[in-house]
PDB file of N, CA and C in Angstrom:
ATOM      1  N   MET A   1     -72.760  15.858  53.632  1.00  0.00           N
ATOM      2  CA  MET A   1     -74.367  15.122  53.154  1.00  0.00           C
ATOM      3  C   MET A   1     -74.981  14.698  54.266  1.00  0.00           C
ATOM      4  N   THR A   2     -76.058  14.600  54.332  1.00  0.00           N
ATOM      5  CA  THR A   2     -76.902  14.129  55.361  1.00  0.00           C
ATOM      6  C   THR A   2     -77.206  12.937  55.062  1.00  0.00           C
ATOM      7  N   THR A   3     -77.729  11.987  55.732  1.00  0.00           N
ATOM      8  CA  THR A   3     -77.962  10.736  55.853  1.00  0.00           C
ATOM      9  C   THR A   3     -78.939  10.358  54.879  1.00  0.00           C
ATOM     10  N   ALA A   4     -79.929  11.254  54.992  1.00  0.00           N
ATOM     11  CA  ALA A   4     -81.404  11.055  54.195  1.00  0.00           C
ATOM     12  C   ALA A   4     -80.813  11.268  52.886  1.00  0.00           C
ATOM     13  N   ALA A   5     -79.920  12.475  52.434  1.00  0.00           N
ATOM     14  CA  ALA A   5     -79.465  12.835  51.014  1.00  0.00           C
ATOM     15  C   ALA A   5     -78.871  11.670  50.511  1.00  0.00           C
ATOM     16  N   ILE A   6     -77.834  11.262  51.409  1.00  0.00           N
ATOM     17  CA  ILE A   6     -77.214   9.980  50.826  1.00  0.00           C
ATOM     18  C   ILE A   6     -78.081   8.933  50.515  1.00  0.00           C
ATOM     19  N   ARG A   7     -78.961   8.194  51.435  1.00  0.00           N
ATOM     20  CA  ARG A   7     -79.979   7.292  51.084  1.00  0.00           C
ATOM     21  C   ARG A   7     -80.668   7.594  49.814  1.00  0.00           C
ATOM     22  N   LEU A   8     -81.347   8.926  49.492  1.00  0.00           N
ATOM     23  CA  LEU A   8     -81.957   9.543  48.424  1.00  0.00           C
ATOM     24  C   LEU A   8     -81.150   9.179  47.248  1.00  0.00           C
ATOM     25  N   SER A   9     -79.821   9.278  47.288  1.00  0.00           N
ATOM     26  CA  SER A   9     -79.009   9.067  46.213  1.00  0.00           C
ATOM     27  C   SER A   9     -78.925   7.728  45.923  1.00  0.00           C
ATOM     28  N   GLY A  10     -78.764   6.874  46.950  1.00  0.00           N
ATOM     29  CA  GLY A  10     -78.721   5.418  46.593  1.00  0.00           C
ATOM     30  C   GLY A  10     -79.804   4.832  45.775  1.00  0.00           C
ATOM     31  N   TRP A  11     -81.383   5.386  46.286  1.00  0.00           N
ATOM     32  CA  TRP A  11     -82.492   5.015  45.822  1.00  0.00           C
ATOM     33  C   TRP A  11     -82.157   5.372  44.248  1.00  0.00           C
ATOM     34  N   SER A  12     -81.891   6.606  44.248  1.00  0.00           N
ATOM     35  CA  SER A  12     -81.671   7.180  42.948  1.00  0.00           C
ATOM     36  C   SER A  12     -80.830   6.426  41.861  1.00  0.00           C
ATOM     37  N   LEU A  13     -79.810   5.970  42.435  1.00  0.00           N
ATOM     38  CA  LEU A  13     -78.959   4.931  41.554  1.00  0.00           C
ATOM     39  C   LEU A  13     -79.723   3.496  41.234  1.00  0.00           C
ATOM     40  N   LEU A  14     -80.145   3.197  42.219  1.00  0.00           N
ATOM     41  CA  LEU A  14     -80.879   1.770  42.120  1.00  0.00           C
ATOM     42  C   LEU A  14     -81.959   1.871  40.961  1.00  0.00           C
ATOM     43  N   LEU A  15     -82.975   3.035  41.048  1.00  0.00           N
ATOM     44  CA  LEU A  15     -83.878   3.313  39.852  1.00  0.00           C
ATOM     45  C   LEU A  15     -83.062   3.614  38.480  1.00  0.00           C
ATOM     46  N   ALA A  16     -82.027   4.163  38.478  1.00  0.00           N
ATOM     47  CA  ALA A  16     -81.403   4.278  37.149  1.00  0.00           C
ATOM     48  C   ALA A  16     -80.785   3.022  36.700  1.00  0.00           C
ATOM     49  N   GLY A  17     -80.428   1.747  37.599  1.00  0.00           N
ATOM     50  CA  GLY A  17     -79.982   0.779  37.101  1.00  0.00           C
ATOM     51  C   GLY A  17     -81.054  -0.107  36.732  1.00  0.00           C
ATOM     52  N   VAL A  18     -82.284   0.136  37.207  1.00  0.00           N
ATOM     53  CA  VAL A  18     -83.391  -0.635  36.712  1.00  0.00           C
ATOM     54  C   VAL A  18     -83.721  -0.361  35.126  1.00  0.00           C
ATOM     55  N   GLY A  19     -83.389   1.289  35.160  1.00  0.00           N
ATOM     56  CA  GLY A  19     -83.861   1.595  33.545  1.00  0.00           C
ATOM     57  C   GLY A  19     -82.722   1.452  32.725  1.00  0.00           C
ATOM     58  N   ALA A  20     -81.523   1.507  33.116  1.00  0.00           N
ATOM     59  CA  ALA A  20     -80.143   1.027  32.636  1.00  0.00           C
ATOM     60  C   ALA A  20     -80.345  -0.362  31.954  1.00  0.00           C
ATOM     61  N   GLY A  21     -81.030  -1.149  32.983  1.00  0.00           N
ATOM     62  CA  GLY A  21     -80.921  -2.744  32.758  1.00  0.00           C
ATOM     63  C   GLY A  21     -82.071  -2.891  31.554  1.00  0.00           C
ATOM     64  N   ILE A  22     -83.007  -2.159  31.112  1.00  0.00           N
ATOM     65  CA  ILE A  22     -83.912  -2.307  30.157  1.00  0.00           C
ATOM     66  C   ILE A  22     -83.124  -2.287  28.791  1.00  0.00           C
ATOM     67  N   VAL A  23     -82.393  -1.334  28.683  1.00  0.00           N
ATOM     68  CA  VAL A  23     -81.745  -1.349  27.413  1.00  0.00           C
ATOM     69  C   VAL A  23     -80.056  -1.550  27.287  1.00  0.00           C
ATOM     70  N   LEU A  24     -79.630  -1.488  28.429  1.00  0.00           N
ATOM     71  CA  LEU A  24     -78.175  -1.589  28.517  1.00  0.00           C
ATOM     72  C   LEU A  24     -77.595  -2.865  29.008  1.00  0.00           C
ATOM     73  N   PRO A  25     -76.417  -3.293  28.549  1.00  0.00           N
ATOM     74  CA  PRO A  25     -76.115  -4.558  29.182  1.00  0.00           C
ATOM     75  C   PRO A  25     -75.816  -4.568  30.816  1.00  0.00           C
ATOM     76  N   HIS A  26     -75.695  -5.931  31.560  1.00  0.00           N
ATOM     77  CA  HIS A  26     -75.666  -5.860  32.984  1.00  0.00           C
ATOM     78  C   HIS A  26     -74.644  -5.350  33.383  1.00  0.00           C
ATOM     79  N   PRO A  27     -73.342  -5.096  32.860  1.00  0.00           N
ATOM     80  CA  PRO A  27     -72.299  -4.358  33.483  1.00  0.00           C
ATOM     81  C   PRO A  27     -72.590  -2.782  33.951  1.00  0.00           C
ATOM     82  N   VAL A  28     -73.465  -2.201  33.221  1.00  0.00           N
ATOM     83  CA  VAL A  28     -73.722  -0.960  33.474  1.00  0.00           C
ATOM     84  C   VAL A  28     -74.711  -0.903  34.573  1.00  0.00           C
ATOM     85  N   THR A  29     -75.885  -1.858  34.557  1.00  0.00           N
ATOM     86  CA  THR A  29     -76.639  -2.060  35.786  1.00  0.00           C
ATOM     87  C   THR A  29     -75.535  -2.526  37.033  1.00  0.00           C
ATOM     88  N   THR A  30     -75.024  -3.615  37.141  1.00  0.00           N
ATOM     89  CA  THR A  30     -74.215  -3.675  38.228  1.00  0.00           C
ATOM     90  C   THR A  30     -73.181  -2.519  38.491  1.00  0.00           C
ATOM     91  N   ALA A  31     -72.708  -1.600  37.718  1.00  0.00           N
ATOM     92  CA  ALA A  31     -72.127  -0.438  38.229  1.00  0.00           C
ATOM     93  C   ALA A  31     -73.095   0.282  39.181  1.00  0.00           C
ATOM     94  N   PHE A  32     -74.163   0.720  38.580  1.00  0.00           N
ATOM     95  CA  PHE A  32     -75.277   1.583  39.315  1.00  0.00           C
ATOM     96  C   PHE A  32     -75.644   0.948  40.615  1.00  0.00           C
ATOM     97  N   TRP A  33     -75.828  -0.308  40.523  1.00  0.00           N
ATOM     98  CA  TRP A  33     -76.143  -1.050  41.914  1.00  0.00           C
ATOM     99  C   TRP A  33     -75.163  -0.875  42.918  1.00  0.00           C
ATOM    100  N   THR A  34     -73.498  -1.126  42.367  1.00  0.00           N
ATOM    101  CA  THR A  34     -72.510  -0.973  43.441  1.00  0.00           C
ATOM    102  C   THR A  34     -72.436   0.311  43.841  1.00  0.00           C
ATOM    103  N   ALA A  35     -72.715   1.013  43.005  1.00  0.00           N
ATOM    104  CA  ALA A  35     -72.275   2.772  43.837  1.00  0.00           C
ATOM    105  C   ALA A  35     -73.411   2.753  44.661  1.00  0.00           C
ATOM    106  N   ALA A  36     -74.919   2.205  44.379  1.00  0.00           N
ATOM    107  CA  ALA A  36     -75.785   2.432  45.482  1.00  0.00           C
ATOM    108  C   ALA A  36     -75.718   1.879  46.562  1.00  0.00           C
ATOM    109  N   ALA A  37     -75.036   0.489  46.809  1.00  0.00           N
ATOM    110  CA  ALA A  37     -74.700  -0.298  47.647  1.00  0.00           C
ATOM    111  C   ALA A  37     -73.906   0.787  48.570  1.00  0.00           C
ATOM    112  N   LYS A  38     -72.676   1.336  48.022  1.00  0.00           N
ATOM    113  CA  LYS A  38     -71.565   2.034  48.736  1.00  0.00           C
ATOM    114  C   LYS A  38     -72.346   3.188  49.452  1.00  0.00           C
ATOM    115  N   LEU A  39     -73.116   3.724  48.726  1.00  0.00           N
ATOM    116  CA  LEU A  39     -73.976   4.892  49.409  1.00  0.00           C
ATOM    117  C   LEU A  39     -74.829   4.641  50.538  1.00  0.00           C
ATOM    118  N   PHE A  40     -75.426   3.122  50.260  1.00  0.00           N
ATOM    119  CA  PHE A  40     -76.315   2.946  51.679  1.00  0.00           C
ATOM    120  C   PHE A  40     -75.295   2.362  52.852  1.00  0.00           C
ATOM    121  N   ALA A  41     -73.826   1.893  52.404  1.00  0.00           N
ATOM    122  CA  ALA A  41     -73.201   1.739  53.633  1.00  0.00           C
ATOM    123  C   ALA A  41     -72.724   2.596  54.267  1.00  0.00           C
ATOM    124  N   ARG A  42     -72.289   3.641  53.382  1.00  0.00           N
ATOM    125  CA  ARG A  42     -71.973   5.311  53.799  1.00  0.00           C
ATOM    126  C   ARG A  42     -73.087   5.574  54.893  1.00  0.00           C
ATOM    127  N   SER A  43     -74.449   5.514  54.642  1.00  0.00           N
ATOM    128  CA  SER A  43     -75.432   6.124  55.498  1.00  0.00           C
ATOM    129  C   SER A  43     -75.603   5.200  56.349  1.00  0.00           C
ATOM    130  N   GLY A  44     -75.132   3.938  56.561  1.00  0.00           N
ATOM    131  CA  GLY A  44     -75.437   3.127  57.947  1.00  0.00           C
ATOM    132  C   GLY A  44     -76.701   1.975  57.615  1.00  0.00           C
ATOM    133  N   ASP A  45     -77.082   1.774  56.267  1.00  0.00           N
ATOM    134  CA  ASP A  45     -77.921   1.029  56.227  1.00  0.00           C
ATOM    135  C   ASP A  45     -77.449  -0.257  55.625  1.00  0.00           C
ATOM    136  N   HIS A  46     -77.119  -0.717  56.524  1.00  0.00           N
ATOM    137  CA  HIS A  46     -76.474  -2.213  56.333  1.00  0.00           C
ATOM    138  C   HIS A  46     -77.297  -3.180  55.599  1.00  0.00           C
ATOM    139  N   GLY A  47     -78.869  -3.171  56.199  1.00  0.00           N
ATOM    140  CA  GLY A  47     -79.765  -3.962  55.629  1.00  0.00           C
ATOM    141  C   GLY A  47     -79.984  -3.999  54.297  1.00  0.00           C
ATOM    142  N   MET A  48     -79.970  -2.716  53.762  1.00  0.00           N
ATOM    143  CA  MET A  48     -80.060  -2.696  52.151  1.00  0.00           C
ATOM    144  C   MET A  48     -78.943  -3.054  51.549  1.00  0.00           C
ATOM    145  N   VAL A  49     -77.621  -2.740  52.215  1.00  0.00           N
ATOM    146  CA  VAL A  49     -76.669  -3.623  51.329  1.00  0.00           C
ATOM    147  C   VAL A  49     -76.642  -5.090  51.314  1.00  0.00           C
ATOM    148  N   ALA A  50     -77.055  -5.488  52.493  1.00  0.00           N
ATOM    149  CA  ALA A  50     -77.202  -7.033  52.460  1.00  0.00           C
ATOM    150  C   ALA A  50     -78.144  -7.436  51.436  1.00  0.00           C
ATOM    151  N   ARG A  51     -79.336  -6.779  51.328  1.00  0.00           N
ATOM    152  CA  ARG A  51     -80.216  -7.177  50.176  1.00  0.00           C
ATOM    153  C   ARG A  51     -79.667  -7.392  48.923  1.00  0.00           C
ATOM    154  N   LEU A  52     -79.010  -6.085  48.537  1.00  0.00           N
ATOM    155  CA  LEU A  52     -78.046  -6.018  47.339  1.00  0.00           C
ATOM    156  C   LEU A  52     -77.148  -6.847  47.010  1.00  0.00           C
ATOM    157  N   THR A  53     -76.361  -7.585  47.915  1.00  0.00           N
ATOM    158  CA  THR A  53     -75.076  -8.406  47.851  1.00  0.00           C
ATOM    159  C   THR A  53     -75.931  -9.904  47.748  1.00  0.00           C
ATOM    160  N   ALA A  54     -77.076 -10.034  48.419  1.00  0.00           N
ATOM    161  CA  ALA A  54     -77.649 -11.484  48.478  1.00  0.00           C
ATOM    162  C   ALA A  54     -78.484 -11.823  46.849  1.00  0.00           C
ATOM    163  N   ALA A  55     -78.565 -10.849  46.305  1.00  0.00           N
ATOM    164  CA  ALA A  55     -79.270 -10.995  44.770  1.00  0.00           C
ATOM    165  C   ALA A  55     -78.530 -12.278  44.188  1.00  0.00           C
ATOM    166  N   THR A  56     -79.420 -13.273  43.812  1.00  0.00           N
ATOM    167  CA  THR A  56     -78.845 -14.302  43.240  1.00  0.00           C
ATOM    168  C   THR A  56     -77.669 -14.228  41.948  1.00  0.00           C
ATOM    169  N   LYS A  57     -78.035 -13.283  40.929  1.00  0.00           N
ATOM    170  CA  LYS A  57     -77.722 -12.838  39.598  1.00  0.00           C
ATOM    171  C   LYS A  57     -76.604 -11.979  39.910  1.00  0.00           C
ATOM    172  N   PHE A  58     -76.822 -10.771  40.452  1.00  0.00           N
ATOM    173  CA  PHE A  58     -76.068  -9.366  40.963  1.00  0.00           C
ATOM    174  C   PHE A  58     -75.005  -9.643  41.937  1.00  0.00           C
ATOM    175  N   GLY A  59     -75.572 -10.390  42.992  1.00  0.00           N
ATOM    176  CA  GLY A  59     -75.063 -10.227  44.353  1.00  0.00           C
ATOM    177  C   GLY A  59     -73.545 -10.153  44.453  1.00  0.00           C
ATOM    178  N   PRO A  60     -73.000 -11.520  43.664  1.00  0.00           N
ATOM    179  CA  PRO A  60     -71.646 -11.579  43.772  1.00  0.00           C
ATOM    180  C   PRO A  60     -70.663 -10.524  43.032  1.00  0.00           C
ATOM    181  N   LYS A  61     -71.595  -9.855  41.817  1.00  0.00           N
ATOM    182  CA  LYS A  61     -70.761  -8.991  41.334  1.00  0.00           C
ATOM    183  C   LYS A  61     -70.857  -7.765  41.953  1.00  0.00           C
ATOM    184  N   ILE A  62     -71.874  -7.358  42.722  1.00  0.00           N
ATOM    185  CA  ILE A  62     -71.921  -6.148  43.531  1.00  0.00           C
ATOM    186  C   ILE A  62     -70.617  -6.276  44.656  1.00  0.00           C
ATOM    187  N   ARG A  63     -70.821  -7.418  45.476  1.00  0.00           N
ATOM    188  CA  ARG A  63     -69.661  -7.679  46.332  1.00  0.00           C
ATOM    189  C   ARG A  63     -68.403  -7.483  45.833  1.00  0.00           C
ATOM    190  N   ARG A  64     -68.062  -7.943  44.844  1.00  0.00           N
ATOM    191  CA  ARG A  64     -66.613  -7.732  44.254  1.00  0.00           C
ATOM    192  C   ARG A  64     -66.593  -6.430  44.138  1.00  0.00           C
ATOM    193  N   GLY A  65     -67.345  -5.403  43.703  1.00  0.00           N
ATOM    194  CA  GLY A  65     -67.203  -4.099  43.394  1.00  0.00           C
ATOM    195  C   GLY A  65     -67.127  -3.363  44.808  1.00  0.00           C
ATOM    196  N   LEU A  66     -67.638  -3.961  45.606  1.00  0.00           N
ATOM    197  CA  LEU A  66     -67.772  -3.267  47.092  1.00  0.00           C
ATOM    198  C   LEU A  66     -66.299  -3.659  47.491  1.00  0.00           C
ATOM    199  N   ASP A  67     -65.615  -4.832  47.395  1.00  0.00           N
ATOM    200  CA  ASP A  67     -64.040  -5.165  47.793  1.00  0.00           C
ATOM    201  C   ASP A  67     -63.187  -4.421  47.074  1.00  0.00           C
ATOM    202  N   ARG A  68     -63.433  -4.032  45.907  1.00  0.00           N
ATOM    203  CA  ARG A  68     -62.396  -3.662  45.126  1.00  0.00           C
ATOM    204  C   ARG A  68     -61.841  -2.163  45.747  1.00  0.00           C
ATOM    205  N   ARG A  69     -60.805  -2.103  45.738  1.00  0.00           N
ATOM    206  CA  ARG A  69     -59.740  -0.795  46.303  1.00  0.00           C
ATOM    207  C   ARG A  69     -60.589   0.372  45.448  1.00  0.00           C
ATOM    208  N   PRO A  70     -60.814   1.568  45.926  1.00  0.00           N
ATOM    209  CA  PRO A  70     -61.311   2.559  45.194  1.00  0.00           C
ATOM    210  C   PRO A  70     -60.115   3.126  44.209  1.00  0.00           C
ATOM    211  N   SER A  71     -60.370   3.527  43.015  1.00  0.00           N
ATOM    212  CA  SER A  71     -59.488   3.867  42.029  1.00  0.00           C
ATOM    213  C   SER A  71     -58.775   5.557  42.494  1.00  0.00           C
ATOM    214  N   ARG A  72     -57.437   5.324  42.145  1.00  0.00           N
ATOM    215  CA  ARG A  72     -56.894   6.618  42.745  1.00  0.00           C
ATOM    216  C   ARG A  72     -57.105   7.772  41.720  1.00  0.00           C
ATOM    217  N   ARG A  73     -57.387   8.935  42.525  1.00  0.00           N
ATOM    218  CA  ARG A  73     -57.825  10.084  42.257  1.00  0.00           C
ATOM    219  C   ARG A  73     -56.494  11.272  42.293  1.00  0.00           C
ATOM    220  N   ILE A  74     -56.408  11.838  40.850  1.00  0.00           N
ATOM    221  CA  ILE A  74     -55.389  12.602  40.592  1.00  0.00           C
ATOM    222  C   ILE A  74     -55.422  13.916  41.413  1.00  0.00           C
ATOM    223  N   GLY A  75     -56.607  14.472  41.511  1.00  0.00           N
ATOM    224  CA  GLY A  75     -56.661  15.750  42.583  1.00  0.00           C
ATOM    225  C   GLY A  75     -56.518  17.188  41.983  1.00  0.00           C
ATOM    226  N   GLY A  76     -57.241  17.994  42.209  1.00  0.00           N
ATOM    227  CA  GLY A  76     -56.840  19.320  41.837  1.00  0.00           C
ATOM    228  C   GLY A  76     -57.514  19.587  40.242  1.00  0.00           C
ATOM    229  N   VAL A  77     -56.816  20.474  39.554  1.00  0.00           N
ATOM    230  CA  VAL A  77     -57.377  21.023  38.236  1.00  0.00           C
ATOM    231  C   VAL A  77     -57.601  19.743  37.079  1.00  0.00           C
ATOM    232  N   ALA A  78     -56.697  18.654  37.339  1.00  0.00           N
ATOM    233  CA  ALA A  78     -56.757  17.641  36.510  1.00  0.00           C
ATOM    234  C   ALA A  78     -57.919  16.687  36.468  1.00  0.00           C
ATOM    235  N   GLU A  79     -58.681  16.830  37.346  1.00  0.00           N
ATOM    236  CA  GLU A  79     -59.934  16.062  37.690  1.00  0.00           C
ATOM    237  C   GLU A  79     -61.115  16.653  36.815  1.00  0.00           C
ATOM    238  N   ALA A  80     -60.906  17.887  36.469  1.00  0.00           N
ATOM    239  CA  ALA A  80     -61.876  18.649  35.373  1.00  0.00           C
ATOM    240  C   ALA A  80     -61.864  17.913  34.156  1.00  0.00           C
ATOM    241  N   PHE A  81     -60.815  17.277  33.479  1.00  0.00           N
ATOM    242  CA  PHE A  81     -60.557  17.199  32.097  1.00  0.00           C
ATOM    243  C   PHE A  81     -60.650  15.452  32.139  1.00  0.00           C
TER     244      PHE A  81
END
């Protein structure tokens, strides 16, 4: 994926988090914003990652999500189910 596509995906997740924050509890919003921060870090936009993790309310939760080990993937056909 190109850097522009990764950043666009990150912005899409940020907007989805804002929309989810209106009707859903904050863990859902935090999950969206953590995924967006991971995409921004992958694209090399460390300034945006710093902005997301510096937020007063959600910043520490996003930082914890970034520090967590990724879940183990099974791979193959089992992922489809």
